[in-house]
Protein backbone atom coordinates (compact mmCIF):
# COMPACT_ATOMS: atom_id res chain seq x y z
CA MET A 1 105.65 -6.30 105.72
CA ASN A 2 108.02 -7.84 103.22
CA PRO A 3 108.29 -11.59 103.90
CA ASP A 4 112.02 -11.42 103.21
CA ALA A 5 112.45 -8.73 105.92
CA PHE A 6 110.70 -10.98 108.47
CA THR A 7 112.83 -14.01 107.48
CA LEU A 8 115.96 -11.93 107.68
CA PHE A 9 114.97 -10.46 111.01
CA ARG A 10 114.62 -13.93 112.48
CA GLU A 11 117.99 -14.96 111.04
CA LEU A 12 119.91 -11.78 112.10
CA ALA A 13 118.24 -10.83 115.41
CA ASP A 14 120.97 -12.33 117.56
CA ARG A 15 123.93 -11.21 115.53
CA ALA A 16 126.19 -8.23 116.19
CA PRO A 17 125.82 -5.18 113.96
CA SER A 18 129.08 -5.97 112.20
CA GLU A 19 127.88 -9.49 111.41
CA ARG A 20 124.73 -8.07 110.02
CA GLU A 21 126.60 -5.60 107.76
CA ALA A 22 128.70 -8.52 106.45
CA TYR A 23 125.58 -10.50 105.79
CA TYR A 24 123.83 -7.63 103.90
CA ALA A 25 126.97 -7.16 101.75
CA ARG A 26 127.65 -10.82 101.10
CA HIS A 27 123.96 -11.50 100.12
CA GLN A 28 123.39 -8.10 98.39
CA VAL A 29 120.29 -7.33 100.43
CA ASP A 30 118.03 -4.75 98.89
CA ALA A 31 118.22 -1.38 100.72
CA ALA A 32 114.48 -1.28 101.36
CA VAL A 33 114.50 -4.82 102.91
CA ARG A 34 117.58 -3.96 104.93
CA ALA A 35 115.94 -0.76 106.26
CA GLU A 36 112.80 -2.84 107.27
CA VAL A 37 114.94 -5.44 109.06
CA GLU A 38 116.88 -2.75 110.96
CA SER A 39 113.61 -1.13 111.98
CA LEU A 40 112.33 -4.46 113.28
CA LEU A 41 115.61 -5.06 115.16
CA GLY A 42 115.35 -1.51 116.74
CA PHE A 43 111.74 -2.24 117.87
CA ASP A 44 112.79 -5.64 119.25
CA ARG A 45 115.70 -4.08 121.27
CA GLN A 46 113.31 -1.41 122.65
CA THR A 47 110.58 -3.94 123.54
CA SER A 48 113.17 -6.22 125.23
CA SER A 49 114.49 -3.32 127.28
CA SER A 50 110.98 -2.45 128.39
CA VAL A 51 110.22 -5.95 129.44
CA ARG A 52 113.49 -6.28 131.34
CA ALA A 53 112.74 -3.06 133.16
CA ALA A 54 109.25 -4.23 134.17
CA VAL A 55 110.57 -7.50 135.43
CA ASN A 56 113.32 -5.78 137.45
CA ALA A 57 110.84 -3.38 138.90
CA THR A 58 108.55 -6.24 139.91
CA VAL A 59 111.47 -8.14 141.50
CA MET A 60 112.55 -5.09 143.42
CA ALA A 61 108.99 -4.47 144.69
CA THR A 62 108.62 -8.08 145.73
CA GLU A 63 111.97 -8.07 147.58
CA THR A 64 111.18 -4.75 149.29
CA GLY A 65 107.70 -5.99 150.31
CA SER A 66 109.05 -9.26 151.80
CA LYS A 67 111.47 -7.55 154.20
């Protein structure tokens, strides 16, 4: 992994797509680094959704079991 991509991922993870686009343009981020950052962001979103779903399922099962 490109160290610049990891640094940018950490900096851009909580920004809206339009803010990321502006950042890439303003800082003239290399296309390969940008693609790697976007890939990391996509994986992060997917993982977050999976964790949220697992937590929700556990909560629902706990609530159902306690009634």
